[in-house]
Amino acid sequence: MPEYGYHLSCEQYGPAELVEQARMAEQAGFHALWISDHYHPWNDAQGQSPFVWSVIGALSEAVSLPIETAVTCPTVRMHPAVVAQAAATSAVMTEGRFRLGVGTGEALNEHILGDRWPPAHVRMEMLEEAVQVMRRLFTGEEVSHHGTHYTVENARLYTVPDEPVPIDISGFGPKATSLAARIGDGYITMMPNEEMVEQYRKGGGGGKLVSGGTKVCFGHDADDCVRTVHRLWYNEQLPGEMGQVLPTPRHFEQLKELVTEDRVRQNVVCGDDVDRHVATLKEFADAGFDRIYVNQIGPDLRGFFDFYRTKVLPQLPH
């Protein structure tokens, strides 16, 4: 049966707020934490983007929940050897309760050093090589690597956990899902798609962890919640590959008019209808997910956690 976690949004909240949300999530009965890894928010209205590894350090002291990045791109902005050190330290600080979620990333965060933003198939090649490098470093042995995309010379991690950090692969289409099944310790996707879960398990994922998540906006005025989502997170309703290729928050803001409030109303749970909240998370459970994360978009965080503690989580299969 699935576990339920809370998704901390680094795009919308500062470090102290994220730590406080984690405390509230643990008190409300959530069993795990996701945390996003961004250099920029998706738009200026979201307004934040703290360095995720510093926040994880604070979380390790504040809560006892498992923590996972959702997701880190270890290929362009940060070299995989550096990500491996950050992940290994996080695993030590959390006493083995850390998982590294990785994906091929977005230009929004990864182009900032002026590097070329590669096409999708090259990004998947880079991700696979990065995972190979990180796994070797997690052994604590000295590593030299001269590959297609990365060079590592005489690198050794001296601070490593007792067990290698699990690496979960994010995938939203058949090719990325196949890669996750082949090289991942787990699979991350954001849609309750039973076919993708089945592809992952049959392709080599077997009984490994499958995680997914969604955003909601709890509040007592559903129309106000719709307006809040439309102001802050309209980017999630944009079609196609724009999320992967647009380079700045300003470019996402230019496309806001493509997303209507009606589209938000149809696709995001807004308001305090218990049945809608339960049904949305149950879709993931029915699709075979092992961990299901939810993120509150609106400002009433205390109300959200009380609502889920008393009315939503007790009704979910677990």
C-alpha atoms as a PDB file:
ATOM      1  CA  MET A   1       0.000   0.000   0.000  1.00  0.00           C
ATOM      2  CA  PRO A   2       1.254   3.516  -0.762  1.00  0.00           C
ATOM      3  CA  GLU A   3       2.777   6.079   1.561  1.00  0.00           C
ATOM      4  CA  TYR A   4       1.922   9.773   1.309  1.00  0.00           C
ATOM      5  CA  GLY A   5       4.431  12.583   1.328  1.00  0.00           C
ATOM      6  CA  TYR A   6       4.574  16.356   1.108  1.00  0.00           C
ATOM      7  CA  HIS A   7       6.283  18.199  -1.750  1.00  0.00           C
ATOM      8  CA  LEU A   8       8.288  21.255  -0.662  1.00  0.00           C
ATOM      9  CA  SER A   9       8.368  23.905  -3.384  1.00  0.00           C
ATOM     10  CA  CYS A  10      11.650  25.816  -3.510  1.00  0.00           C
ATOM     11  CA  GLU A  11      10.191  27.994  -6.285  1.00  0.00           C
ATOM     12  CA  GLN A  12       7.544  29.479  -4.001  1.00  0.00           C
ATOM     13  CA  TYR A  13       9.030  29.554  -0.484  1.00  0.00           C
ATOM     14  CA  GLY A  14      12.212  30.636   1.257  1.00  0.00           C
ATOM     15  CA  PRO A  15      14.412  28.324   3.350  1.00  0.00           C
ATOM     16  CA  ALA A  16      12.869  29.011   6.768  1.00  0.00           C
ATOM     17  CA  GLU A  17       9.337  28.587   5.375  1.00  0.00           C
ATOM     18  CA  LEU A  18      10.275  25.259   3.785  1.00  0.00           C
ATOM     19  CA  VAL A  19      11.680  23.946   7.052  1.00  0.00           C
ATOM     20  CA  GLU A  20       8.540  24.990   8.923  1.00  0.00           C
ATOM     21  CA  GLN A  21       6.350  23.307   6.288  1.00  0.00           C
ATOM     22  CA  ALA A  22       8.368  20.117   6.731  1.00  0.00           C
ATOM     23  CA  ARG A  23       7.705  20.206  10.475  1.00  0.00           C
ATOM     24  CA  MET A  24       3.990  20.700   9.858  1.00  0.00           C
ATOM     25  CA  ALA A  25       3.967  17.866   7.324  1.00  0.00           C
ATOM     26  CA  GLU A  26       5.515  15.453   9.819  1.00  0.00           C
ATOM     27  CA  GLN A  27       3.053  16.500  12.526  1.00  0.00           C
ATOM     28  CA  ALA A  28       0.140  16.052  10.096  1.00  0.00           C
ATOM     29  CA  GLY A  29       1.074  12.447   9.383  1.00  0.00           C
ATOM     30  CA  PHE A  30       2.888  12.642   6.066  1.00  0.00           C
ATOM     31  CA  HIS A  31       5.575   9.977   5.731  1.00  0.00           C
ATOM     32  CA  ALA A  32       8.153  11.519   3.355  1.00  0.00           C
ATOM     33  CA  LEU A  33       9.341  14.760   1.760  1.00  0.00           C
ATOM     34  CA  TRP A  34      10.106  15.764  -1.784  1.00  0.00           C
ATOM     35  CA  ILE A  35      11.969  19.011  -2.425  1.00  0.00           C
ATOM     36  CA  SER A  36      12.401  20.718  -5.783  1.00  0.00           C
ATOM     37  CA  ASP A  37      15.851  21.726  -7.075  1.00  0.00           C
ATOM     38  CA  HIS A  38      15.731  24.955  -9.102  1.00  0.00           C
ATOM     39  CA  TYR A  39      18.014  27.878  -9.894  1.00  0.00           C
ATOM     40  CA  HIS A  40      15.054  30.027 -10.999  1.00  0.00           C
ATOM     41  CA  PRO A  41      11.360  29.946 -10.168  1.00  0.00           C
ATOM     42  CA  TRP A  42       9.068  29.326 -13.127  1.00  0.00           C
ATOM     43  CA  ASN A  43       7.827  32.928 -12.928  1.00  0.00           C
ATOM     44  CA  ASP A  44       8.475  35.999 -10.821  1.00  0.00           C
ATOM     45  CA  ALA A  45       5.183  35.644  -8.937  1.00  0.00           C
ATOM     46  CA  GLN A  46       6.497  32.443  -7.316  1.00  0.00           C
ATOM     47  CA  GLY A  47       9.408  34.529  -6.177  1.00  0.00           C
ATOM     48  CA  GLN A  48      11.946  32.171  -4.540  1.00  0.00           C
ATOM     49  CA  SER A  49      14.670  29.661  -5.355  1.00  0.00           C
ATOM     50  CA  PRO A  50      16.973  28.760  -2.437  1.00  0.00           C
ATOM     51  CA  PHE A  51      19.913  26.381  -2.893  1.00  0.00           C
ATOM     52  CA  VAL A  52      18.384  22.991  -2.248  1.00  0.00           C
ATOM     53  CA  TRP A  53      21.415  21.387  -0.585  1.00  0.00           C
ATOM     54  CA  SER A  54      21.526  24.036   2.143  1.00  0.00           C
ATOM     55  CA  VAL A  55      17.819  23.502   2.821  1.00  0.00           C
ATOM     56  CA  ILE A  56      18.295  19.719   3.008  1.00  0.00           C
ATOM     57  CA  GLY A  57      20.928  20.259   5.667  1.00  0.00           C
ATOM     58  CA  ALA A  58      18.418  22.225   7.738  1.00  0.00           C
ATOM     59  CA  LEU A  59      15.699  19.622   7.112  1.00  0.00           C
ATOM     60  CA  SER A  60      17.962  16.856   8.379  1.00  0.00           C
ATOM     61  CA  GLU A  61      17.965  18.541  11.796  1.00  0.00           C
ATOM     62  CA  ALA A  62      14.302  19.596  11.799  1.00  0.00           C
ATOM     63  CA  VAL A  63      12.462  16.382  10.872  1.00  0.00           C
ATOM     64  CA  SER A  64      12.955  12.617  10.795  1.00  0.00           C
ATOM     65  CA  LEU A  65      11.184  12.030   7.467  1.00  0.00           C
ATOM     66  CA  PRO A  66      12.863  10.574   4.364  1.00  0.00           C
ATOM     67  CA  ILE A  67      13.893  13.321   1.911  1.00  0.00           C
ATOM     68  CA  GLU A  68      14.294  13.199  -1.869  1.00  0.00           C
ATOM     69  CA  THR A  69      15.111  15.799  -4.517  1.00  0.00           C
ATOM     70  CA  ALA A  70      12.367  16.005  -7.118  1.00  0.00           C
ATOM     71  CA  VAL A  71      14.335  16.420  -9.154  1.00  0.00           C
ATOM     72  CA  THR A  72      18.004  17.338  -9.525  1.00  0.00           C
ATOM     73  CA  CYS A  73      19.604  17.715 -12.943  1.00  0.00           C
ATOM     74  CA  PRO A  74      23.199  16.414 -12.533  1.00  0.00           C
ATOM     75  CA  THR A  75      24.354  17.122 -16.082  1.00  0.00           C
ATOM     76  CA  VAL A  76      24.815  20.797 -17.034  1.00  0.00           C
ATOM     77  CA  ARG A  77      24.683  23.414 -14.256  1.00  0.00           C
ATOM     78  CA  MET A  78      26.365  21.046 -11.787  1.00  0.00           C
ATOM     79  CA  HIS A  79      28.873  18.340 -12.670  1.00  0.00           C
ATOM     80  CA  PRO A  80      27.822  14.860 -11.518  1.00  0.00           C
ATOM     81  CA  ALA A  81      30.920  14.582  -9.322  1.00  0.00           C
ATOM     82  CA  VAL A  82      29.738  17.631  -7.352  1.00  0.00           C
ATOM     83  CA  VAL A  83      26.143  16.369  -7.156  1.00  0.00           C
ATOM     84  CA  ALA A  84      27.481  13.042  -5.872  1.00  0.00           C
ATOM     85  CA  GLN A  85      29.280  14.800  -3.021  1.00  0.00           C
ATOM     86  CA  ALA A  86      26.172  16.806  -2.121  1.00  0.00           C
ATOM     87  CA  ALA A  87      23.966  13.693  -2.205  1.00  0.00           C
ATOM     88  CA  ALA A  88      26.383  11.600  -0.168  1.00  0.00           C
ATOM     89  CA  THR A  89      26.630  14.289   2.518  1.00  0.00           C
ATOM     90  CA  SER A  90      22.827  14.604   2.576  1.00  0.00           C
ATOM     91  CA  ALA A  91      22.524  10.842   3.067  1.00  0.00           C
ATOM     92  CA  VAL A  92      24.993  10.937   5.968  1.00  0.00           C
ATOM     93  CA  MET A  93      23.190  13.862   7.620  1.00  0.00           C
ATOM     94  CA  THR A  94      19.813  12.115   7.316  1.00  0.00           C
ATOM     95  CA  GLU A  95      21.241   8.768   8.510  1.00  0.00           C
ATOM     96  CA  GLY A  96      20.395   7.062   5.229  1.00  0.00           C
ATOM     97  CA  ARG A  97      16.975   8.655   4.719  1.00  0.00           C
ATOM     98  CA  PHE A  98      17.937  10.491   1.516  1.00  0.00           C
ATOM     99  CA  ARG A  99      17.195   9.524  -2.078  1.00  0.00           C
ATOM    100  CA  LEU A 100      18.519  11.384  -5.103  1.00  0.00           C
ATOM    101  CA  GLY A 101      15.821  12.018  -7.682  1.00  0.00           C
ATOM    102  CA  VAL A 102      17.340  13.018 -11.026  1.00  0.00           C
ATOM    103  CA  GLY A 103      16.119  14.038 -14.468  1.00  0.00           C
ATOM    104  CA  THR A 104      17.216  15.653 -17.705  1.00  0.00           C
ATOM    105  CA  GLY A 105      16.309  19.137 -16.482  1.00  0.00           C
ATOM    106  CA  GLU A 106      15.048  22.352 -18.033  1.00  0.00           C
ATOM    107  CA  ALA A 107      16.806  25.176 -19.839  1.00  0.00           C
ATOM    108  CA  LEU A 108      15.267  27.518 -17.245  1.00  0.00           C
ATOM    109  CA  ASN A 109      17.762  26.284 -14.657  1.00  0.00           C
ATOM    110  CA  GLU A 110      20.570  24.668 -16.597  1.00  0.00           C
ATOM    111  CA  HIS A 111      21.595  27.194 -19.277  1.00  0.00           C
ATOM    112  CA  ILE A 112      22.752  29.866 -16.822  1.00  0.00           C
ATOM    113  CA  LEU A 113      26.485  29.258 -17.347  1.00  0.00           C
ATOM    114  CA  GLY A 114      26.145  29.725 -21.099  1.00  0.00           C
ATOM    115  CA  ASP A 115      26.348  26.038 -21.966  1.00  0.00           C
ATOM    116  CA  ARG A 116      24.510  24.743 -25.017  1.00  0.00           C
ATOM    117  CA  TRP A 117      21.124  23.245 -24.162  1.00  0.00           C
ATOM    118  CA  PRO A 118      21.169  19.829 -25.849  1.00  0.00           C
ATOM    119  CA  PRO A 119      18.218  18.031 -27.472  1.00  0.00           C
ATOM    120  CA  ALA A 120      16.321  15.458 -25.445  1.00  0.00           C
ATOM    121  CA  HIS A 121      18.152  12.356 -26.670  1.00  0.00           C
ATOM    122  CA  VAL A 122      21.535  13.886 -25.805  1.00  0.00           C
ATOM    123  CA  ARG A 123      20.275  14.938 -22.374  1.00  0.00           C
ATOM    124  CA  MET A 124      19.280  11.330 -21.695  1.00  0.00           C
ATOM    125  CA  GLU A 125      22.753  10.138 -22.752  1.00  0.00           C
ATOM    126  CA  MET A 126      24.281  12.700 -20.384  1.00  0.00           C
ATOM    127  CA  LEU A 127      22.003  11.602 -17.550  1.00  0.00           C
ATOM    128  CA  GLU A 128      22.943   7.953 -17.976  1.00  0.00           C
ATOM    129  CA  GLU A 129      26.655   8.747 -17.909  1.00  0.00           C
ATOM    130  CA  ALA A 130      26.172  11.054 -14.907  1.00  0.00           C
ATOM    131  CA  VAL A 131      24.437   8.257 -12.978  1.00  0.00           C
ATOM    132  CA  GLN A 132      27.340   5.913 -13.762  1.00  0.00           C
ATOM    133  CA  VAL A 133      29.835   8.466 -12.435  1.00  0.00           C
ATOM    134  CA  MET A 134      27.844   9.130  -9.253  1.00  0.00           C
ATOM    135  CA  ARG A 135      27.394   5.446  -8.462  1.00  0.00           C
ATOM    136  CA  ARG A 136      31.123   4.867  -8.707  1.00  0.00           C
ATOM    137  CA  LEU A 137      31.806   7.809  -6.401  1.00  0.00           C
ATOM    138  CA  PHE A 138      29.279   6.572  -3.830  1.00  0.00           C
ATOM    139  CA  THR A 139      31.577   3.575  -3.228  1.00  0.00           C
ATOM    140  CA  GLY A 140      34.115   5.876  -1.584  1.00  0.00           C
ATOM    141  CA  GLU A 141      36.827   4.649  -3.951  1.00  0.00           C
ATOM    142  CA  GLU A 142      39.020   6.881  -6.099  1.00  0.00           C
ATOM    143  CA  VAL A 143      37.430   7.440  -9.500  1.00  0.00           C
ATOM    144  CA  SER A 144      38.866   8.506 -12.833  1.00  0.00           C
ATOM    145  CA  HIS A 145      36.455   8.651 -15.762  1.00  0.00           C
ATOM    146  CA  HIS A 146      36.944   9.838 -19.336  1.00  0.00           C
ATOM    147  CA  GLY A 147      33.571   9.560 -21.023  1.00  0.00           C
ATOM    148  CA  THR A 148      31.624  11.109 -23.859  1.00  0.00           C
ATOM    149  CA  HIS A 149      30.285  13.980 -21.745  1.00  0.00           C
ATOM    150  CA  TYR A 150      32.243  14.016 -18.460  1.00  0.00           C
ATOM    151  CA  THR A 151      35.791  13.806 -17.206  1.00  0.00           C
ATOM    152  CA  VAL A 152      36.670  12.933 -13.615  1.00  0.00           C
ATOM    153  CA  GLU A 153      40.263  12.620 -12.408  1.00  0.00           C
ATOM    154  CA  ASN A 154      41.385  11.187  -9.074  1.00  0.00           C
ATOM    155  CA  ALA A 155      38.101  12.016  -7.357  1.00  0.00           C
ATOM    156  CA  ARG A 156      37.184  10.359  -4.076  1.00  0.00           C
ATOM    157  CA  LEU A 157      34.319  11.010  -1.675  1.00  0.00           C
ATOM    158  CA  TYR A 158      35.536  10.617   1.890  1.00  0.00           C
ATOM    159  CA  THR A 159      32.148  11.289   3.497  1.00  0.00           C
ATOM    160  CA  VAL A 160      29.791   8.579   2.270  1.00  0.00           C
ATOM    161  CA  PRO A 161      26.802   6.766   3.811  1.00  0.00           C
ATOM    162  CA  ASP A 162      26.944   3.108   4.796  1.00  0.00           C
ATOM    163  CA  GLU A 163      24.821   2.225   1.742  1.00  0.00           C
ATOM    164  CA  PRO A 164      25.014   3.924  -1.674  1.00  0.00           C
ATOM    165  CA  VAL A 165      22.476   6.702  -2.222  1.00  0.00           C
ATOM    166  CA  PRO A 166      19.476   5.364  -4.196  1.00  0.00           C
ATOM    167  CA  ILE A 167      19.058   7.193  -7.508  1.00  0.00           C
ATOM    168  CA  ASP A 168      15.518   7.517  -8.854  1.00  0.00           C
ATOM    169  CA  ILE A 169      14.993   8.558 -12.470  1.00  0.00           C
ATOM    170  CA  SER A 170      12.285  10.971 -13.561  1.00  0.00           C
ATOM    171  CA  GLY A 171      10.454  10.153 -16.783  1.00  0.00           C
ATOM    172  CA  PHE A 172       7.365  11.517 -18.544  1.00  0.00           C
ATOM    173  CA  GLY A 173       7.447   9.596 -21.822  1.00  0.00           C
ATOM    174  CA  PRO A 174       8.225   6.072 -23.080  1.00  0.00           C
ATOM    175  CA  LYS A 175      11.940   6.697 -23.763  1.00  0.00           C
ATOM    176  CA  ALA A 176      12.634   8.283 -20.372  1.00  0.00           C
ATOM    177  CA  THR A 177      10.583   5.572 -18.663  1.00  0.00           C
ATOM    178  CA  SER A 178      12.670   2.896 -20.398  1.00  0.00           C
ATOM    179  CA  LEU A 179      15.835   4.617 -19.194  1.00  0.00           C
ATOM    180  CA  ALA A 180      14.457   4.708 -15.650  1.00  0.00           C
ATOM    181  CA  ALA A 181      13.630   1.001 -15.805  1.00  0.00           C
ATOM    182  CA  ARG A 182      17.120   0.178 -17.027  1.00  0.00           C
ATOM    183  CA  ILE A 183      19.305   2.295 -14.724  1.00  0.00           C
ATOM    184  CA  GLY A 184      17.157   3.627 -11.856  1.00  0.00           C
ATOM    185  CA  ASP A 185      16.730   2.491  -8.274  1.00  0.00           C
ATOM    186  CA  GLY A 186      13.234   3.937  -8.602  1.00  0.00           C
ATOM    187  CA  TYR A 187      10.950   5.854 -10.959  1.00  0.00           C
ATOM    188  CA  ILE A 188       9.411   9.321 -10.658  1.00  0.00           C
ATOM    189  CA  THR A 189       6.570  10.647 -12.785  1.00  0.00           C
ATOM    190  CA  MET A 190       3.893  13.274 -12.262  1.00  0.00           C
ATOM    191  CA  MET A 191       0.853  11.710 -13.890  1.00  0.00           C
ATOM    192  CA  PRO A 192      -1.196   8.789 -12.500  1.00  0.00           C
ATOM    193  CA  ASN A 193      -0.527   6.813 -15.665  1.00  0.00           C
ATOM    194  CA  GLU A 194      -0.887   3.086 -15.069  1.00  0.00           C
ATOM    195  CA  GLU A 195       0.607   2.268 -18.486  1.00  0.00           C
ATOM    196  CA  MET A 196       3.846   4.087 -17.654  1.00  0.00           C
ATOM    197  CA  VAL A 197       4.091   2.327 -14.288  1.00  0.00           C
ATOM    198  CA  GLU A 198       3.534  -1.001 -16.024  1.00  0.00           C
ATOM    199  CA  GLN A 199       6.156  -0.168 -18.666  1.00  0.00           C
ATOM    200  CA  TYR A 200       8.633   0.688 -15.918  1.00  0.00           C
ATOM    201  CA  ARG A 201       8.014  -2.500 -13.962  1.00  0.00           C
ATOM    202  CA  LYS A 202       8.093  -4.790 -17.008  1.00  0.00           C
ATOM    203  CA  GLY A 203      11.127  -3.010 -18.468  1.00  0.00           C
ATOM    204  CA  GLY A 204      13.351  -3.815 -15.503  1.00  0.00           C
ATOM    205  CA  GLY A 205      11.926  -1.770 -12.656  1.00  0.00           C
ATOM    206  CA  GLY A 206      10.278  -4.793 -11.049  1.00  0.00           C
ATOM    207  CA  GLY A 207       9.315  -4.027  -7.468  1.00  0.00           C
ATOM    208  CA  LYS A 208      11.409  -0.859  -7.162  1.00  0.00           C
ATOM    209  CA  LEU A 209       9.947   2.361  -5.750  1.00  0.00           C
ATOM    210  CA  VAL A 210       7.541   4.288  -7.980  1.00  0.00           C
ATOM    211  CA  SER A 211       6.802   7.844  -6.841  1.00  0.00           C
ATOM    212  CA  GLY A 212       4.481  10.530  -8.150  1.00  0.00           C
ATOM    213  CA  GLY A 213       2.867  13.711  -7.069  1.00  0.00           C
ATOM    214  CA  THR A 214       0.424  16.518  -7.710  1.00  0.00           C
ATOM    215  CA  LYS A 215      -0.344  20.081  -6.664  1.00  0.00           C
ATOM    216  CA  VAL A 216      -3.586  21.228  -5.056  1.00  0.00           C
ATOM    217  CA  CYS A 217      -4.912  24.483  -3.685  1.00  0.00           C
ATOM    218  CA  PHE A 218      -6.807  24.047  -0.442  1.00  0.00           C
ATOM    219  CA  GLY A 219      -9.036  26.915   0.652  1.00  0.00           C
ATOM    220  CA  HIS A 220     -12.651  27.592   1.559  1.00  0.00           C
ATOM    221  CA  ASP A 221     -13.316  29.723  -1.561  1.00  0.00           C
ATOM    222  CA  ALA A 222     -12.768  27.509  -4.611  1.00  0.00           C
ATOM    223  CA  ASP A 223     -12.856  30.417  -7.077  1.00  0.00           C
ATOM    224  CA  ASP A 224     -10.203  32.259  -5.097  1.00  0.00           C
ATOM    225  CA  CYS A 225      -8.102  29.084  -5.145  1.00  0.00           C
ATOM    226  CA  VAL A 226      -8.425  28.922  -8.935  1.00  0.00           C
ATOM    227  CA  ARG A 227      -7.182  32.497  -9.207  1.00  0.00           C
ATOM    228  CA  THR A 228      -4.258  31.683  -6.907  1.00  0.00           C
ATOM    229  CA  VAL A 229      -3.207  28.698  -9.020  1.00  0.00           C
ATOM    230  CA  HIS A 230      -3.603  30.731 -12.213  1.00  0.00           C
ATOM    231  CA  ARG A 231      -1.367  33.460 -10.787  1.00  0.00           C
ATOM    232  CA  LEU A 232       1.368  31.217  -9.396  1.00  0.00           C
ATOM    233  CA  TRP A 233       1.437  27.892 -11.250  1.00  0.00           C
ATOM    234  CA  TYR A 234      -0.100  28.417 -14.702  1.00  0.00           C
ATOM    235  CA  ASN A 235       3.181  27.093 -16.134  1.00  0.00           C
ATOM    236  CA  GLU A 236       2.153  23.533 -15.287  1.00  0.00           C
ATOM    237  CA  GLN A 237      -0.749  23.827 -17.734  1.00  0.00           C
ATOM    238  CA  LEU A 238       1.392  24.836 -20.722  1.00  0.00           C
ATOM    239  CA  PRO A 239       1.411  22.243 -23.515  1.00  0.00           C
ATOM    240  CA  GLY A 240       4.289  20.434 -25.179  1.00  0.00           C
ATOM    241  CA  GLU A 241       7.998  20.874 -24.476  1.00  0.00           C
ATOM    242  CA  MET A 242       7.932  24.526 -23.445  1.00  0.00           C
ATOM    243  CA  GLY A 243       8.744  23.602 -19.856  1.00  0.00           C
ATOM    244  CA  GLN A 244      12.023  22.075 -20.992  1.00  0.00           C
ATOM    245  CA  VAL A 245      13.199  24.669 -23.530  1.00  0.00           C
ATOM    246  CA  LEU A 246      12.167  28.165 -22.357  1.00  0.00           C
ATOM    247  CA  PRO A 247      15.200  29.875 -20.782  1.00  0.00           C
ATOM    248  CA  THR A 248      13.848  32.472 -18.312  1.00  0.00           C
ATOM    249  CA  PRO A 249      10.873  33.176 -16.028  1.00  0.00           C
ATOM    250  CA  ARG A 250      10.064  36.098 -18.324  1.00  0.00           C
ATOM    251  CA  HIS A 251       9.431  33.717 -21.221  1.00  0.00           C
ATOM    252  CA  PHE A 252       6.980  31.680 -19.153  1.00  0.00           C
ATOM    253  CA  GLU A 253       5.188  34.884 -18.159  1.00  0.00           C
ATOM    254  CA  GLN A 254       4.749  35.778 -21.841  1.00  0.00           C
ATOM    255  CA  LEU A 255       2.733  32.572 -22.304  1.00  0.00           C
ATOM    256  CA  LYS A 256       0.417  33.008 -19.321  1.00  0.00           C
ATOM    257  CA  GLU A 257      -2.448  34.092 -21.593  1.00  0.00           C
ATOM    258  CA  LEU A 258      -2.474  30.591 -23.108  1.00  0.00           C
ATOM    259  CA  VAL A 259      -3.757  29.209 -19.807  1.00  0.00           C
ATOM    260  CA  THR A 260      -7.303  30.135 -18.786  1.00  0.00           C
ATOM    261  CA  GLU A 261      -8.832  29.952 -15.341  1.00  0.00           C
ATOM    262  CA  ASP A 262     -11.240  27.349 -16.702  1.00  0.00           C
ATOM    263  CA  ARG A 263      -8.280  25.160 -17.658  1.00  0.00           C
ATOM    264  CA  VAL A 264      -6.954  25.476 -14.117  1.00  0.00           C
ATOM    265  CA  ARG A 265     -10.381  24.630 -12.703  1.00  0.00           C
ATOM    266  CA  GLN A 266     -10.527  21.461 -14.811  1.00  0.00           C
ATOM    267  CA  ASN A 267      -7.018  20.228 -14.043  1.00  0.00           C
ATOM    268  CA  VAL A 268      -6.153  21.293 -10.480  1.00  0.00           C
ATOM    269  CA  VAL A 269      -8.032  20.428  -7.297  1.00  0.00           C
ATOM    270  CA  CYS A 270      -9.119  23.761  -5.831  1.00  0.00           C
ATOM    271  CA  GLY A 271     -11.134  24.256  -2.650  1.00  0.00           C
ATOM    272  CA  ASP A 272     -12.100  22.145   0.339  1.00  0.00           C
ATOM    273  CA  ASP A 273     -14.082  19.314  -1.270  1.00  0.00           C
ATOM    274  CA  VAL A 274     -12.707  16.305   0.608  1.00  0.00           C
ATOM    275  CA  ASP A 275     -13.866  13.853  -2.034  1.00  0.00           C
ATOM    276  CA  ARG A 276     -11.953  15.647  -4.810  1.00  0.00           C
ATOM    277  CA  HIS A 277      -8.740  15.698  -2.817  1.00  0.00           C
ATOM    278  CA  VAL A 278      -9.098  12.014  -1.920  1.00  0.00           C
ATOM    279  CA  ALA A 279      -9.981  11.018  -5.487  1.00  0.00           C
ATOM    280  CA  THR A 280      -6.962  12.817  -6.943  1.00  0.00           C
ATOM    281  CA  LEU A 281      -4.468  11.007  -4.715  1.00  0.00           C
ATOM    282  CA  LYS A 282      -6.329   7.731  -5.038  1.00  0.00           C
ATOM    283  CA  GLU A 283      -5.767   7.867  -8.807  1.00  0.00           C
ATOM    284  CA  PHE A 284      -2.048   7.470  -8.121  1.00  0.00           C
ATOM    285  CA  ALA A 285      -2.668   4.637  -5.681  1.00  0.00           C
ATOM    286  CA  ASP A 286      -4.881   2.838  -8.207  1.00  0.00           C
ATOM    287  CA  ALA A 287      -2.179   3.264 -10.875  1.00  0.00           C
ATOM    288  CA  GLY A 288       0.341   1.382  -8.714  1.00  0.00           C
ATOM    289  CA  PHE A 289       2.399   4.160  -7.120  1.00  0.00           C
ATOM    290  CA  ASP A 290       4.306   3.407  -3.903  1.00  0.00           C
ATOM    291  CA  ARG A 291       4.768   7.009  -2.708  1.00  0.00           C
ATOM    292  CA  ILE A 292       2.391   9.828  -3.524  1.00  0.00           C
ATOM    293  CA  TYR A 293       3.296  13.454  -2.796  1.00  0.00           C
ATOM    294  CA  VAL A 294       1.062  16.502  -2.630  1.00  0.00           C
ATOM    295  CA  ASN A 295       1.956  20.201  -2.653  1.00  0.00           C
ATOM    296  CA  GLN A 296      -0.238  23.027  -1.352  1.00  0.00           C
ATOM    297  CA  ILE A 297      -0.163  26.066  -3.644  1.00  0.00           C
ATOM    298  CA  GLY A 298      -2.311  28.432  -1.596  1.00  0.00           C
ATOM    299  CA  PRO A 299      -1.289  30.537   1.428  1.00  0.00           C
ATOM    300  CA  ASP A 300      -3.296  28.655   4.095  1.00  0.00           C
ATOM    301  CA  LEU A 301      -0.625  26.108   5.000  1.00  0.00           C
ATOM    302  CA  ARG A 302      -1.908  25.459   8.515  1.00  0.00           C
ATOM    303  CA  GLY A 303      -5.410  24.931   7.197  1.00  0.00           C
ATOM    304  CA  PHE A 304      -4.107  22.578   4.509  1.00  0.00           C
ATOM    305  CA  PHE A 305      -2.186  20.387   6.958  1.00  0.00           C
ATOM    306  CA  ASP A 306      -5.108  20.249   9.394  1.00  0.00           C
ATOM    307  CA  PHE A 307      -7.458  19.379   6.516  1.00  0.00           C
ATOM    308  CA  TYR A 308      -5.240  16.540   5.319  1.00  0.00           C
ATOM    309  CA  ARG A 309      -4.524  15.254   8.836  1.00  0.00           C
ATOM    310  CA  THR A 310      -8.185  15.045   9.833  1.00  0.00           C
ATOM    311  CA  LYS A 311     -10.122  14.518   6.594  1.00  0.00           C
ATOM    312  CA  VAL A 312      -7.988  13.404   3.637  1.00  0.00           C
ATOM    313  CA  LEU A 313      -5.184  11.099   4.803  1.00  0.00           C
ATOM    314  CA  PRO A 314      -7.511   8.911   6.940  1.00  0.00           C
ATOM    315  CA  GLN A 315      -9.557   8.086   3.822  1.00  0.00           C
ATOM    316  CA  LEU A 316      -6.636   7.088   1.599  1.00  0.00           C
ATOM    317  CA  PRO A 317      -5.392   3.499   1.116  1.00  0.00           C
ATOM    318  CA  HIS A 318      -2.173   3.099   3.066  1.00  0.00           C
END
